[in-house]
PDB file of N, CA and C in Angstrom:
ATOM      1  N   MET A   1     -10.885  14.198   4.577  1.00  0.00           N
ATOM      2  CA  MET A   1      -9.558  13.652   4.394  1.00  0.00           C
ATOM      3  C   MET A   1      -9.575  12.180   4.760  1.00  0.00           C
ATOM      4  N   LYS A   2      -8.750  11.431   4.068  1.00  0.00           N
ATOM      5  CA  LYS A   2      -8.663   9.988   4.297  1.00  0.00           C
ATOM      6  C   LYS A   2      -7.192   9.568   4.339  1.00  0.00           C
ATOM      7  N   LEU A   3      -6.964   8.444   5.002  1.00  0.00           N
ATOM      8  CA  LEU A   3      -5.676   7.778   4.945  1.00  0.00           C
ATOM      9  C   LEU A   3      -5.882   6.532   4.109  1.00  0.00           C
ATOM     10  N   VAL A   4      -5.223   6.467   2.960  1.00  0.00           N
ATOM     11  CA  VAL A   4      -5.276   5.294   2.093  1.00  0.00           C
ATOM     12  C   VAL A   4      -4.054   4.455   2.436  1.00  0.00           C
ATOM     13  N   THR A   5      -4.296   3.225   2.880  1.00  0.00           N
ATOM     14  CA  THR A   5      -3.220   2.292   3.199  1.00  0.00           C
ATOM     15  C   THR A   5      -3.339   1.120   2.243  1.00  0.00           C
ATOM     16  N   ALA A   6      -2.285   0.858   1.509  1.00  0.00           N
ATOM     17  CA  ALA A   6      -2.290  -0.248   0.554  1.00  0.00           C
ATOM     18  C   ALA A   6      -1.148  -1.197   0.891  1.00  0.00           C
ATOM     19  N   ILE A   7      -1.458  -2.473   0.909  1.00  0.00           N
ATOM     20  CA  ILE A   7      -0.449  -3.522   1.085  1.00  0.00           C
ATOM     21  C   ILE A   7      -0.317  -4.202  -0.275  1.00  0.00           C
ATOM     22  N   ILE A   8       0.882  -4.126  -0.872  1.00  0.00           N
ATOM     23  CA  ILE A   8       1.084  -4.643  -2.224  1.00  0.00           C
ATOM     24  C   ILE A   8       2.332  -5.518  -2.286  1.00  0.00           C
ATOM     25  N   GLN A   9       2.497  -6.196  -3.417  1.00  0.00           N
ATOM     26  CA  GLN A   9       3.690  -7.002  -3.662  1.00  0.00           C
ATOM     27  C   GLN A   9       4.883  -6.067  -3.900  1.00  0.00           C
ATOM     28  N   PRO A  10       6.067  -6.417  -3.383  1.00  0.00           N
ATOM     29  CA  PRO A  10       7.241  -5.555  -3.553  1.00  0.00           C
ATOM     30  C   PRO A  10       7.609  -5.282  -5.015  1.00  0.00           C
ATOM     31  N   ASP A  11       7.382  -6.261  -5.905  1.00  0.00           N
ATOM     32  CA  ASP A  11       7.767  -6.063  -7.306  1.00  0.00           C
ATOM     33  C   ASP A  11       6.870  -5.055  -8.022  1.00  0.00           C
ATOM     34  N   LYS A  12       5.782  -4.641  -7.414  1.00  0.00           N
ATOM     35  CA  LYS A  12       4.865  -3.680  -8.029  1.00  0.00           C
ATOM     36  C   LYS A  12       5.064  -2.259  -7.510  1.00  0.00           C
ATOM     37  N   LEU A  13       5.987  -2.068  -6.560  1.00  0.00           N
ATOM     38  CA  LEU A  13       6.159  -0.758  -5.931  1.00  0.00           C
ATOM     39  C   LEU A  13       6.473   0.343  -6.934  1.00  0.00           C
ATOM     40  N   ASP A  14       7.476   0.154  -7.784  1.00  0.00           N
ATOM     41  CA  ASP A  14       7.862   1.210  -8.725  1.00  0.00           C
ATOM     42  C   ASP A  14       6.729   1.556  -9.689  1.00  0.00           C
ATOM     43  N   GLU A  15       6.047   0.538 -10.180  1.00  0.00           N
ATOM     44  CA  GLU A  15       4.942   0.757 -11.113  1.00  0.00           C
ATOM     45  C   GLU A  15       3.801   1.537 -10.445  1.00  0.00           C
ATOM     46  N   VAL A  16       3.457   1.169  -9.223  1.00  0.00           N
ATOM     47  CA  VAL A  16       2.389   1.859  -8.497  1.00  0.00           C
ATOM     48  C   VAL A  16       2.795   3.295  -8.187  1.00  0.00           C
ATOM     49  N   ARG A  17       4.015   3.479  -7.710  1.00  0.00           N
ATOM     50  CA  ARG A  17       4.508   4.823  -7.365  1.00  0.00           C
ATOM     51  C   ARG A  17       4.500   5.740  -8.578  1.00  0.00           C
ATOM     52  N   GLU A  18       4.978   5.261  -9.710  1.00  0.00           N
ATOM     53  CA  GLU A  18       4.999   6.072 -10.932  1.00  0.00           C
ATOM     54  C   GLU A  18       3.589   6.404 -11.408  1.00  0.00           C
ATOM     55  N   ALA A  19       2.664   5.451 -11.299  1.00  0.00           N
ATOM     56  CA  ALA A  19       1.279   5.697 -11.712  1.00  0.00           C
ATOM     57  C   ALA A  19       0.605   6.711 -10.794  1.00  0.00           C
ATOM     58  N   LEU A  20       0.874   6.630  -9.488  1.00  0.00           N
ATOM     59  CA  LEU A  20       0.313   7.617  -8.556  1.00  0.00           C
ATOM     60  C   LEU A  20       0.853   9.003  -8.860  1.00  0.00           C
ATOM     61  N   PHE A  21       2.141   9.088  -9.132  1.00  0.00           N
ATOM     62  CA  PHE A  21       2.761  10.372  -9.468  1.00  0.00           C
ATOM     63  C   PHE A  21       2.123  10.952 -10.732  1.00  0.00           C
ATOM     64  N   ALA A  22       1.908  10.112 -11.735  1.00  0.00           N
ATOM     65  CA  ALA A  22       1.283  10.555 -12.983  1.00  0.00           C
ATOM     66  C   ALA A  22      -0.160  11.009 -12.757  1.00  0.00           C
ATOM     67  N   ALA A  23      -0.831  10.439 -11.744  1.00  0.00           N
ATOM     68  CA  ALA A  23      -2.209  10.810 -11.431  1.00  0.00           C
ATOM     69  C   ALA A  23      -2.286  12.049 -10.544  1.00  0.00           C
ATOM     70  N   GLY A  24      -1.134  12.629 -10.212  1.00  0.00           N
ATOM     71  CA  GLY A  24      -1.106  13.850  -9.408  1.00  0.00           C
ATOM     72  C   GLY A  24      -0.993  13.606  -7.918  1.00  0.00           C
ATOM     73  N   ILE A  25      -0.734  12.379  -7.518  1.00  0.00           N
ATOM     74  CA  ILE A  25      -0.574  12.048  -6.100  1.00  0.00           C
ATOM     75  C   ILE A  25       0.912  11.879  -5.841  1.00  0.00           C
ATOM     76  N   ARG A  26       1.492  12.871  -5.173  1.00  0.00           N
ATOM     77  CA  ARG A  26       2.948  12.925  -5.061  1.00  0.00           C
ATOM     78  C   ARG A  26       3.472  12.728  -3.643  1.00  0.00           C
ATOM     79  N   ARG A  27       2.598  12.576  -2.673  1.00  0.00           N
ATOM     80  CA  ARG A  27       3.049  12.413  -1.296  1.00  0.00           C
ATOM     81  C   ARG A  27       2.614  11.047  -0.777  1.00  0.00           C
ATOM     82  N   LEU A  28       3.597  10.234  -0.398  1.00  0.00           N
ATOM     83  CA  LEU A  28       3.272   8.934   0.157  1.00  0.00           C
ATOM     84  C   LEU A  28       4.405   8.454   1.035  1.00  0.00           C
ATOM     85  N   THR A  29       4.087   7.514   1.892  1.00  0.00           N
ATOM     86  CA  THR A  29       5.064   6.888   2.770  1.00  0.00           C
ATOM     87  C   THR A  29       5.108   5.408   2.411  1.00  0.00           C
ATOM     88  N   VAL A  30       6.316   4.858   2.320  1.00  0.00           N
ATOM     89  CA  VAL A  30       6.498   3.453   1.951  1.00  0.00           C
ATOM     90  C   VAL A  30       7.234   2.740   3.082  1.00  0.00           C
ATOM     91  N   SER A  31       6.724   1.577   3.461  1.00  0.00           N
ATOM     92  CA  SER A  31       7.364   0.754   4.489  1.00  0.00           C
ATOM     93  C   SER A  31       7.455  -0.677   3.990  1.00  0.00           C
ATOM     94  N   ARG A  32       8.513  -1.352   4.357  1.00  0.00           N
ATOM     95  CA  ARG A  32       8.645  -2.784   4.079  1.00  0.00           C
ATOM     96  C   ARG A  32       8.023  -3.516   5.268  1.00  0.00           C
ATOM     97  N   VAL A  33       7.106  -4.422   4.994  1.00  0.00           N
ATOM     98  CA  VAL A  33       6.405  -5.142   6.056  1.00  0.00           C
ATOM     99  C   VAL A  33       6.374  -6.631   5.736  1.00  0.00           C
ATOM    100  N   SER A  34       5.994  -7.428   6.720  1.00  0.00           N
ATOM    101  CA  SER A  34       5.807  -8.861   6.541  1.00  0.00           C
ATOM    102  C   SER A  34       4.438  -9.232   7.065  1.00  0.00           C
ATOM    103  N   GLY A  35       3.828 -10.215   6.445  1.00  0.00           N
ATOM    104  CA  GLY A  35       2.528 -10.666   6.922  1.00  0.00           C
ATOM    105  C   GLY A  35       1.960 -11.715   6.005  1.00  0.00           C
ATOM    106  N   HIS A  36       0.726 -12.118   6.300  1.00  0.00           N
ATOM    107  CA  HIS A  36       0.024 -13.051   5.422  1.00  0.00           C
ATOM    108  C   HIS A  36      -1.459 -12.864   5.601  1.00  0.00           C
ATOM    109  N   GLY A  37      -2.176 -13.195   4.566  1.00  0.00           N
ATOM    110  CA  GLY A  37      -3.626 -13.175   4.603  1.00  0.00           C
ATOM    111  C   GLY A  37      -4.115 -14.608   4.631  1.00  0.00           C
ATOM    112  N   GLN A  38      -5.039 -14.915   3.735  1.00  0.00           N
ATOM    113  CA  GLN A  38      -5.556 -16.280   3.681  1.00  0.00           C
ATOM    114  C   GLN A  38      -4.560 -17.239   3.061  1.00  0.00           C
ATOM    115  N   ALA A  39      -3.663 -16.721   2.225  1.00  0.00           N
ATOM    116  CA  ALA A  39      -2.698 -17.584   1.547  1.00  0.00           C
ATOM    117  C   ALA A  39      -1.676 -18.107   2.551  1.00  0.00           C
ATOM    118  N   GLN A  40      -1.414 -19.374   2.481  1.00  0.00           N
ATOM    119  CA  GLN A  40      -0.387 -19.991   3.308  1.00  0.00           C
ATOM    120  C   GLN A  40       0.771 -20.372   2.404  1.00  0.00           C
ATOM    121  N   GLY A  41       1.959 -20.364   2.938  1.00  0.00           N
ATOM    122  CA  GLY A  41       3.132 -20.682   2.148  1.00  0.00           C
ATOM    123  C   GLY A  41       3.183 -22.136   1.752  1.00  0.00           C
ATOM    124  N   GLU A  42       3.913 -22.400   0.686  1.00  0.00           N
ATOM    125  CA  GLU A  42       4.105 -23.788   0.256  1.00  0.00           C
ATOM    126  C   GLU A  42       5.230 -24.399   1.074  1.00  0.00           C
ATOM    127  N   GLU A  43       5.068 -25.657   1.388  1.00  0.00           N
ATOM    128  CA  GLU A  43       6.061 -26.358   2.186  1.00  0.00           C
ATOM    129  C   GLU A  43       7.380 -26.436   1.428  1.00  0.00           C
ATOM    130  N   GLU A  44       8.477 -26.117   2.135  1.00  0.00           N
ATOM    131  CA  GLU A  44       9.809 -26.155   1.539  1.00  0.00           C
ATOM    132  C   GLU A  44      10.698 -27.037   2.400  1.00  0.00           C
ATOM    133  N   LEU A  45      11.773 -27.507   1.788  1.00  0.00           N
ATOM    134  CA  LEU A  45      12.751 -28.295   2.518  1.00  0.00           C
ATOM    135  C   LEU A  45      13.935 -27.389   2.835  1.00  0.00           C
ATOM    136  N   TYR A  46      14.262 -27.225   4.105  1.00  0.00           N
ATOM    137  CA  TYR A  46      15.364 -26.361   4.530  1.00  0.00           C
ATOM    138  C   TYR A  46      16.227 -27.131   5.511  1.00  0.00           C
ATOM    139  N   ARG A  47      17.457 -27.425   5.111  1.00  0.00           N
ATOM    140  CA  ARG A  47      18.404 -28.179   5.938  1.00  0.00           C
ATOM    141  C   ARG A  47      17.793 -29.488   6.448  1.00  0.00           C
ATOM    142  N   GLY A  48      17.082 -30.147   5.551  1.00  0.00           N
ATOM    143  CA  GLY A  48      16.502 -31.436   5.891  1.00  0.00           C
ATOM    144  C   GLY A  48      15.204 -31.374   6.670  1.00  0.00           C
ATOM    145  N   GLN A  49      14.747 -30.180   6.988  1.00  0.00           N
ATOM    146  CA  GLN A  49      13.502 -30.014   7.739  1.00  0.00           C
ATOM    147  C   GLN A  49      12.421 -29.452   6.820  1.00  0.00           C
ATOM    148  N   LYS A  50      11.202 -29.930   6.982  1.00  0.00           N
ATOM    149  CA  LYS A  50      10.092 -29.361   6.243  1.00  0.00           C
ATOM    150  C   LYS A  50       9.666 -28.071   6.940  1.00  0.00           C
ATOM    151  N   VAL A  51       9.611 -26.986   6.172  1.00  0.00           N
ATOM    152  CA  VAL A  51       9.283 -25.681   6.736  1.00  0.00           C
ATOM    153  C   VAL A  51       8.172 -25.057   5.904  1.00  0.00           C
ATOM    154  N   VAL A  52       7.181 -24.478   6.573  1.00  0.00           N
ATOM    155  CA  VAL A  52       6.120 -23.746   5.896  1.00  0.00           C
ATOM    156  C   VAL A  52       6.270 -22.278   6.281  1.00  0.00           C
ATOM    157  N   PRO A  53       6.738 -21.435   5.354  1.00  0.00           N
ATOM    158  CA  PRO A  53       6.883 -20.016   5.701  1.00  0.00           C
ATOM    159  C   PRO A  53       5.502 -19.416   5.963  1.00  0.00           C
ATOM    160  N   ASN A  54       5.394 -18.637   7.032  1.00  0.00           N
ATOM    161  CA  ASN A  54       4.089 -18.087   7.356  1.00  0.00           C
ATOM    162  C   ASN A  54       4.025 -16.569   7.213  1.00  0.00           C
ATOM    163  N   LEU A  55       5.122 -15.921   6.916  1.00  0.00           N
ATOM    164  CA  LEU A  55       5.122 -14.478   6.682  1.00  0.00           C
ATOM    165  C   LEU A  55       5.760 -14.185   5.331  1.00  0.00           C
ATOM    166  N   PHE A  56       5.123 -13.278   4.586  1.00  0.00           N
ATOM    167  CA  PHE A  56       5.605 -12.921   3.261  1.00  0.00           C
ATOM    168  C   PHE A  56       5.984 -11.447   3.237  1.00  0.00           C
ATOM    169  N   ASN A  57       7.016 -11.120   2.476  1.00  0.00           N
ATOM    170  CA  ASN A  57       7.426  -9.727   2.345  1.00  0.00           C
ATOM    171  C   ASN A  57       6.415  -8.966   1.503  1.00  0.00           C
ATOM    172  N   LYS A  58       6.027  -7.809   1.988  1.00  0.00           N
ATOM    173  CA  LYS A  58       5.073  -6.937   1.304  1.00  0.00           C
ATOM    174  C   LYS A  58       5.562  -5.503   1.432  1.00  0.00           C
ATOM    175  N   VAL A  59       4.887  -4.601   0.749  1.00  0.00           N
ATOM    176  CA  VAL A  59       5.161  -3.178   0.846  1.00  0.00           C
ATOM    177  C   VAL A  59       3.873  -2.497   1.290  1.00  0.00           C
ATOM    178  N   ARG A  60       3.998  -1.573   2.233  1.00  0.00           N
ATOM    179  CA  ARG A  60       2.852  -0.823   2.734  1.00  0.00           C
ATOM    180  C   ARG A  60       2.979   0.623   2.292  1.00  0.00           C
ATOM    181  N   LEU A  61       1.979   1.096   1.562  1.00  0.00           N
ATOM    182  CA  LEU A  61       1.926   2.499   1.136  1.00  0.00           C
ATOM    183  C   LEU A  61       0.904   3.213   1.999  1.00  0.00           C
ATOM    184  N   GLU A  62       1.236   4.389   2.474  1.00  0.00           N
ATOM    185  CA  GLU A  62       0.291   5.212   3.220  1.00  0.00           C
ATOM    186  C   GLU A  62       0.219   6.572   2.553  1.00  0.00           C
ATOM    187  N   ILE A  63      -1.007   6.998   2.250  1.00  0.00           N
ATOM    188  CA  ILE A  63      -1.217   8.259   1.552  1.00  0.00           C
ATOM    189  C   ILE A  63      -2.306   9.033   2.279  1.00  0.00           C
ATOM    190  N   ALA A  64      -1.950  10.183   2.841  1.00  0.00           N
ATOM    191  CA  ALA A  64      -2.949  11.095   3.407  1.00  0.00           C
ATOM    192  C   ALA A  64      -3.438  11.945   2.238  1.00  0.00           C
ATOM    193  N   ILE A  65      -4.755  11.972   2.033  1.00  0.00           N
ATOM    194  CA  ILE A  65      -5.274  12.530   0.788  1.00  0.00           C
ATOM    195  C   ILE A  65      -6.622  13.208   1.014  1.00  0.00           C
ATOM    196  N   SER A  66      -6.930  14.179   0.176  1.00  0.00           N
ATOM    197  CA  SER A  66      -8.239  14.837   0.243  1.00  0.00           C
ATOM    198  C   SER A  66      -9.307  13.891  -0.287  1.00  0.00           C
ATOM    199  N   ASP A  67     -10.538  14.097   0.140  1.00  0.00           N
ATOM    200  CA  ASP A  67     -11.640  13.215  -0.254  1.00  0.00           C
ATOM    201  C   ASP A  67     -11.814  13.144  -1.771  1.00  0.00           C
ATOM    202  N   GLU A  68     -11.519  14.233  -2.478  1.00  0.00           N
ATOM    203  CA  GLU A  68     -11.711  14.273  -3.932  1.00  0.00           C
ATOM    204  C   GLU A  68     -10.764  13.329  -4.674  1.00  0.00           C
ATOM    205  N   LEU A  69      -9.611  13.028  -4.085  1.00  0.00           N
ATOM    206  CA  LEU A  69      -8.613  12.198  -4.772  1.00  0.00           C
ATOM    207  C   LEU A  69      -8.615  10.737  -4.338  1.00  0.00           C
ATOM    208  N   VAL A  70      -9.492  10.377  -3.403  1.00  0.00           N
ATOM    209  CA  VAL A  70      -9.505   8.996  -2.892  1.00  0.00           C
ATOM    210  C   VAL A  70      -9.799   7.999  -4.003  1.00  0.00           C
ATOM    211  N   LYS A  71     -10.825   8.241  -4.805  1.00  0.00           N
ATOM    212  CA  LYS A  71     -11.192   7.312  -5.880  1.00  0.00           C
ATOM    213  C   LYS A  71     -10.045   7.171  -6.883  1.00  0.00           C
ATOM    214  N   THR A  72      -9.425   8.288  -7.250  1.00  0.00           N
ATOM    215  CA  THR A  72      -8.293   8.261  -8.181  1.00  0.00           C
ATOM    216  C   THR A  72      -7.159   7.414  -7.626  1.00  0.00           C
ATOM    217  N   ALA A  73      -6.825   7.619  -6.347  1.00  0.00           N
ATOM    218  CA  ALA A  73      -5.732   6.863  -5.725  1.00  0.00           C
ATOM    219  C   ALA A  73      -6.052   5.372  -5.693  1.00  0.00           C
ATOM    220  N   CYS A  74      -7.249   5.019  -5.271  1.00  0.00           N
ATOM    221  CA  CYS A  74      -7.633   3.604  -5.171  1.00  0.00           C
ATOM    222  C   CYS A  74      -7.661   2.930  -6.545  1.00  0.00           C
ATOM    223  N   ASP A  75      -8.255   3.607  -7.530  1.00  0.00           N
ATOM    224  CA  ASP A  75      -8.308   3.041  -8.884  1.00  0.00           C
ATOM    225  C   ASP A  75      -6.907   2.842  -9.449  1.00  0.00           C
ATOM    226  N   THR A  76      -6.036   3.808  -9.212  1.00  0.00           N
ATOM    227  CA  THR A  76      -4.659   3.722  -9.711  1.00  0.00           C
ATOM    228  C   THR A  76      -3.918   2.560  -9.061  1.00  0.00           C
ATOM    229  N   ILE A  77      -4.058   2.417  -7.757  1.00  0.00           N
ATOM    230  CA  ILE A  77      -3.386   1.319  -7.052  1.00  0.00           C
ATOM    231  C   ILE A  77      -3.931  -0.027  -7.524  1.00  0.00           C
ATOM    232  N   MET A  78      -5.259  -0.150  -7.614  1.00  0.00           N
ATOM    233  CA  MET A  78      -5.853  -1.427  -8.048  1.00  0.00           C
ATOM    234  C   MET A  78      -5.399  -1.806  -9.451  1.00  0.00           C
ATOM    235  N   ARG A  79      -5.334  -0.827 -10.351  1.00  0.00           N
ATOM    236  CA  ARG A  79      -4.959  -1.100 -11.740  1.00  0.00           C
ATOM    237  C   ARG A  79      -3.493  -1.525 -11.854  1.00  0.00           C
ATOM    238  N   THR A  80      -2.610  -0.886 -11.093  1.00  0.00           N
ATOM    239  CA  THR A  80      -1.178  -1.132 -11.277  1.00  0.00           C
ATOM    240  C   THR A  80      -0.595  -2.184 -10.336  1.00  0.00           C
ATOM    241  N   ALA A  81      -1.232  -2.461  -9.210  1.00  0.00           N
ATOM    242  CA  ALA A  81      -0.695  -3.445  -8.262  1.00  0.00           C
ATOM    243  C   ALA A  81      -1.103  -4.869  -8.619  1.00  0.00           C
ATOM    244  N   LYS A  82      -2.082  -4.994  -9.491  1.00  0.00           N
ATOM    245  CA  LYS A  82      -2.608  -6.314  -9.857  1.00  0.00           C
ATOM    246  C   LYS A  82      -1.680  -6.991 -10.871  1.00  0.00           C
ATOM    247  N   HIS A  83      -1.394  -8.259 -10.655  1.00  0.00           N
ATOM    248  CA  HIS A  83      -0.607  -9.052 -11.599  1.00  0.00           C
ATOM    249  C   HIS A  83      -1.538  -9.605 -12.667  1.00  0.00           C
ATOM    250  N   GLU A  84      -1.330  -9.246 -13.912  1.00  0.00           N
ATOM    251  CA  GLU A  84      -2.093  -9.728 -15.070  1.00  0.00           C
ATOM    252  C   GLU A  84      -3.576  -9.891 -14.752  1.00  0.00           C
ATOM    253  N   ASP A  85      -4.062 -11.123 -14.628  1.00  0.00           N
ATOM    254  CA  ASP A  85      -5.476 -11.364 -14.316  1.00  0.00           C
ATOM    255  C   ASP A  85      -5.728 -11.433 -12.820  1.00  0.00           C
ATOM    256  N   GLY A  86      -4.727 -11.109 -12.031  1.00  0.00           N
ATOM    257  CA  GLY A  86      -4.848 -11.158 -10.582  1.00  0.00           C
ATOM    258  C   GLY A  86      -4.350 -12.484 -10.031  1.00  0.00           C
ATOM    259  N   LYS A  87      -3.643 -12.396  -8.917  1.00  0.00           N
ATOM    260  CA  LYS A  87      -3.183 -13.613  -8.261  1.00  0.00           C
ATOM    261  C   LYS A  87      -3.297 -13.427  -6.757  1.00  0.00           C
ATOM    262  N   ILE A  88      -3.335 -14.527  -6.051  1.00  0.00           N
ATOM    263  CA  ILE A  88      -3.419 -14.471  -4.596  1.00  0.00           C
ATOM    264  C   ILE A  88      -2.228 -13.684  -4.071  1.00  0.00           C
ATOM    265  N   GLY A  89      -2.493 -12.759  -3.162  1.00  0.00           N
ATOM    266  CA  GLY A  89      -1.427 -11.967  -2.562  1.00  0.00           C
ATOM    267  C   GLY A  89      -1.183 -10.635  -3.247  1.00  0.00           C
ATOM    268  N   ASP A  90      -2.016 -10.257  -4.234  1.00  0.00           N
ATOM    269  CA  ASP A  90      -1.837  -8.963  -4.898  1.00  0.00           C
ATOM    270  C   ASP A  90      -1.994  -7.804  -3.924  1.00  0.00           C
ATOM    271  N   GLY A  91      -2.761  -7.975  -2.865  1.00  0.00           N
ATOM    272  CA  GLY A  91      -2.814  -6.959  -1.830  1.00  0.00           C
ATOM    273  C   GLY A  91      -4.201  -6.506  -1.455  1.00  0.00           C
ATOM    274  N   LYS A  92      -4.228  -5.469  -0.628  1.00  0.00           N
ATOM    275  CA  LYS A  92      -5.471  -4.888  -0.137  1.00  0.00           C
ATOM    276  C   LYS A  92      -5.299  -3.382   0.003  1.00  0.00           C
ATOM    277  N   ILE A  93      -6.439  -2.687   0.013  1.00  0.00           N
ATOM    278  CA  ILE A  93      -6.458  -1.240   0.254  1.00  0.00           C
ATOM    279  C   ILE A  93      -7.408  -0.983   1.413  1.00  0.00           C
ATOM    280  N   TYR A  94      -6.957  -0.205   2.376  1.00  0.00           N
ATOM    281  CA  TYR A  94      -7.776   0.178   3.525  1.00  0.00           C
ATOM    282  C   TYR A  94      -7.979   1.690   3.501  1.00  0.00           C
ATOM    283  N   LEU A  95      -9.195   2.137   3.739  1.00  0.00           N
ATOM    284  CA  LEU A  95      -9.499   3.566   3.817  1.00  0.00           C
ATOM    285  C   LEU A  95      -9.880   3.907   5.246  1.00  0.00           C
ATOM    286  N   THR A  96      -9.228   4.922   5.795  1.00  0.00           N
ATOM    287  CA  THR A  96      -9.469   5.344   7.165  1.00  0.00           C
ATOM    288  C   THR A  96      -9.724   6.846   7.178  1.00  0.00           C
ATOM    289  N   PRO A  97     -10.788   7.300   7.837  1.00  0.00           N
ATOM    290  CA  PRO A  97     -11.004   8.741   7.925  1.00  0.00           C
ATOM    291  C   PRO A  97      -9.918   9.388   8.787  1.00  0.00           C
ATOM    292  N   LEU A  98      -9.475  10.563   8.374  1.00  0.00           N
ATOM    293  CA  LEU A  98      -8.487  11.319   9.146  1.00  0.00           C
ATOM    294  C   LEU A  98      -9.195  12.477   9.835  1.00  0.00           C
ATOM    295  N   GLU A  99      -9.064  12.536  11.107  1.00  0.00           N
ATOM    296  CA  GLU A  99      -9.694  13.606  11.871  1.00  0.00           C
ATOM    297  C   GLU A  99      -8.953  14.926  11.679  1.00  0.00           C
ATOM    298  N   GLU A 100      -7.643  14.880  11.704  1.00  0.00           N
ATOM    299  CA  GLU A 100      -6.851  16.105  11.607  1.00  0.00           C
ATOM    300  C   GLU A 100      -5.453  15.769  11.113  1.00  0.00           C
ATOM    301  N   ILE A 101      -4.861  16.703  10.368  1.00  0.00           N
ATOM    302  CA  ILE A 101      -3.459  16.610   9.954  1.00  0.00           C
ATOM    303  C   ILE A 101      -2.810  17.926  10.355  1.00  0.00           C
ATOM    304  N   ILE A 102      -1.643  17.850  10.954  1.00  0.00           N
ATOM    305  CA  ILE A 102      -0.928  19.055  11.376  1.00  0.00           C
ATOM    306  C   ILE A 102       0.489  18.985  10.835  1.00  0.00           C
ATOM    307  N   ARG A 103       0.890  20.014  10.096  1.00  0.00           N
ATOM    308  CA  ARG A 103       2.265  20.098   9.613  1.00  0.00           C
ATOM    309  C   ARG A 103       3.118  20.668  10.741  1.00  0.00           C
ATOM    310  N   ILE A 104       4.097  19.933  11.179  1.00  0.00           N
ATOM    311  CA  ILE A 104       4.922  20.324  12.318  1.00  0.00           C
ATOM    312  C   ILE A 104       5.664  21.634  12.050  1.00  0.00           C
ATOM    313  N   ARG A 105       6.261  21.762  10.882  1.00  0.00           N
ATOM    314  CA  ARG A 105       7.082  22.931  10.575  1.00  0.00           C
ATOM    315  C   ARG A 105       6.315  24.241  10.648  1.00  0.00           C
ATOM    316  N   THR A 106       5.095  24.281  10.078  1.00  0.00           N
ATOM    317  CA  THR A 106       4.362  25.547   9.968  1.00  0.00           C
ATOM    318  C   THR A 106       3.146  25.645  10.881  1.00  0.00           C
ATOM    319  N   GLY A 107       2.696  24.521  11.407  1.00  0.00           N
ATOM    320  CA  GLY A 107       1.496  24.524  12.219  1.00  0.00           C
ATOM    321  C   GLY A 107       0.218  24.497  11.402  1.00  0.00           C
ATOM    322  N   GLU A 108       0.333  24.392  10.060  1.00  0.00           N
ATOM    323  CA  GLU A 108      -0.868  24.325   9.212  1.00  0.00           C
ATOM    324  C   GLU A 108      -1.672  23.093   9.578  1.00  0.00           C
ATOM    325  N   ARG A 109      -2.989  23.195   9.404  1.00  0.00           N
ATOM    326  CA  ARG A 109      -3.884  22.105   9.763  1.00  0.00           C
ATOM    327  C   ARG A 109      -4.807  21.762   8.595  1.00  0.00           C
ATOM    328  N   GLY A 110      -5.339  20.532   8.633  1.00  0.00           N
ATOM    329  CA  GLY A 110      -6.297  20.100   7.638  1.00  0.00           C
ATOM    330  C   GLY A 110      -5.649  19.850   6.288  1.00  0.00           C
ATOM    331  N   GLU A 111      -6.422  20.084   5.213  1.00  0.00           N
ATOM    332  CA  GLU A 111      -5.940  19.783   3.863  1.00  0.00           C
ATOM    333  C   GLU A 111      -4.741  20.630   3.463  1.00  0.00           C
ATOM    334  N   LYS A 112      -4.574  21.794   4.058  1.00  0.00           N
ATOM    335  CA  LYS A 112      -3.388  22.624   3.780  1.00  0.00           C
ATOM    336  C   LYS A 112      -2.109  21.913   4.221  1.00  0.00           C
ATOM    337  N   ALA A 113      -2.217  21.064   5.237  1.00  0.00           N
ATOM    338  CA  ALA A 113      -1.048  20.354   5.756  1.00  0.00           C
ATOM    339  C   ALA A 113      -0.663  19.139   4.929  1.00  0.00           C
ATOM    340  N   ILE A 114      -1.586  18.689   4.059  1.00  0.00           N
ATOM    341  CA  ILE A 114      -1.263  17.535   3.208  1.00  0.00           C
ATOM    342  C   ILE A 114      -0.242  18.013   2.206  1.00  0.00           C
TER     343      ILE A 114
END
């Protein structure tokens, strides 16, 4: 089992979610987050002051998934989260091994709990 964490542009959320659903991946968690990578904001003028924004709005997707579906999930996210030929800030995908998953309601464990 793996935890797939993807940080993507907010305008790509619906497209990515629909593509994941079409690929058979129907369980995910979405959070609104702020951050930055190597890209720095462009200087703007705000109330007469020069300001460089250092945090950008992003969307974080988290998907607990069986090992067999990891490649499908990653390929789907990469294909749909990318802007045309790709642009700075399109996002990243992180893969983390999951030691255990427990469904609170039933006590099921492992892949049955996904």
